Amino acid sequence: MFLMVGIERKEVIVSFIAALTLLAFSIYFFMVSVSLMSYVQPRVTASLLALIIGFICLSGSLNLFKATLYSRAASKEGEKEKS
């Protein structure tokens, strides 16, 4: 038998806030990367590092959104099976 753990509303809100925060950080680092490349003498290393950090934050944000949505769907399906 498959054991489902219900996800509480507070946990969903916290995970969505964390995902939005990571999304904001990724946008910030993408903008920093572009601004570092627009200097007269571009800072290539720093720009690439900021770009990598931005992609990591974006990946984490999307994975957190996806995991939260999947767990909500699984918990709702588990509640339907109990009824």
Protein backbone atom coordinates (compact mmCIF):
# COMPACT_ATOMS: atom_id res chain seq x y z
CA MET A 1 0.00 0.00 0.00
CA PHE A 2 1.26 3.45 -0.92
CA LEU A 3 1.61 5.80 2.07
CA MET A 4 0.78 9.45 1.34
CA VAL A 5 1.85 12.32 3.52
CA GLY A 6 -0.53 15.26 3.37
CA ILE A 7 0.98 18.65 2.65
CA GLU A 8 -0.21 21.48 4.85
CA ARG A 9 -1.21 24.90 3.56
CA LYS A 10 1.55 26.64 5.54
CA GLU A 11 4.20 24.43 3.94
CA VAL A 12 2.88 25.24 0.47
CA ILE A 13 3.00 28.97 1.16
CA VAL A 14 6.55 28.75 2.53
CA SER A 15 7.78 26.72 -0.45
CA PHE A 16 6.18 29.14 -2.93
CA ILE A 17 7.77 32.11 -1.14
CA ALA A 18 11.15 30.36 -1.23
CA ALA A 19 10.71 29.62 -4.93
CA LEU A 20 9.76 33.24 -5.68
CA THR A 21 12.78 34.44 -3.69
CA LEU A 22 15.07 32.18 -5.70
CA LEU A 23 13.44 33.45 -8.90
CA ALA A 24 14.09 37.05 -7.83
CA PHE A 25 17.74 36.20 -7.07
CA SER A 26 18.14 34.59 -10.48
CA ILE A 27 16.75 37.66 -12.26
CA TYR A 28 19.05 39.87 -10.19
CA PHE A 29 22.12 37.80 -11.08
CA PHE A 30 21.16 37.76 -14.76
CA MET A 31 20.97 41.56 -14.69
CA VAL A 32 24.32 41.77 -12.88
CA SER A 33 25.83 39.53 -15.55
CA VAL A 34 24.59 41.79 -18.34
CA SER A 35 25.80 44.92 -16.57
CA LEU A 36 29.27 43.40 -16.03
CA MET A 37 29.53 42.66 -19.75
CA SER A 38 28.54 46.21 -20.72
CA TYR A 39 31.63 47.90 -19.24
CA VAL A 40 34.23 49.44 -21.54
CA GLN A 41 36.54 46.60 -20.52
CA PRO A 42 34.12 43.72 -19.90
CA ARG A 43 34.54 41.67 -16.76
CA VAL A 44 34.13 38.30 -18.44
CA THR A 45 34.98 36.04 -15.50
CA ALA A 46 32.72 37.86 -13.06
CA SER A 47 29.95 38.01 -15.64
CA LEU A 48 30.11 34.27 -16.31
CA LEU A 49 30.10 33.55 -12.58
CA ALA A 50 27.02 35.73 -12.10
CA LEU A 51 25.36 33.99 -15.05
CA ILE A 52 26.08 30.54 -13.58
CA ILE A 53 24.70 31.61 -10.19
CA GLY A 54 21.61 32.96 -11.95
CA PHE A 55 21.03 29.67 -13.76
CA ILE A 56 21.48 27.68 -10.54
CA CYS A 57 18.95 29.88 -8.72
CA LEU A 58 16.51 29.59 -11.64
CA SER A 59 16.87 25.80 -11.70
CA GLY A 60 16.29 25.58 -7.95
CA SER A 61 13.26 27.82 -8.18
CA LEU A 62 11.65 25.81 -10.96
CA ASN A 63 12.37 22.51 -9.21
CA LEU A 64 10.83 23.82 -5.99
CA PHE A 65 7.70 24.97 -7.85
CA LYS A 66 7.43 21.62 -9.60
CA ALA A 67 7.96 19.56 -6.45
CA THR A 68 5.35 21.57 -4.56
CA LEU A 69 2.78 21.19 -7.31
CA TYR A 70 3.44 17.44 -7.60
CA SER A 71 3.14 16.92 -3.85
CA ARG A 72 -0.11 18.90 -3.73
CA ALA A 73 -1.55 16.82 -6.57
CA ALA A 74 -0.44 13.58 -4.91
CA SER A 75 -1.93 14.57 -1.56
CA LYS A 76 -5.25 15.54 -3.18
CA GLU A 77 -5.34 12.24 -5.04
CA GLY A 78 -4.60 10.42 -1.77
CA GLU A 79 -7.52 12.22 -0.13
CA LYS A 80 -9.81 11.17 -2.99
CA GLU A 81 -8.78 7.52 -2.59
CA LYS A 82 -9.54 7.63 1.15
CA SER A 83 -13.07 8.88 0.55
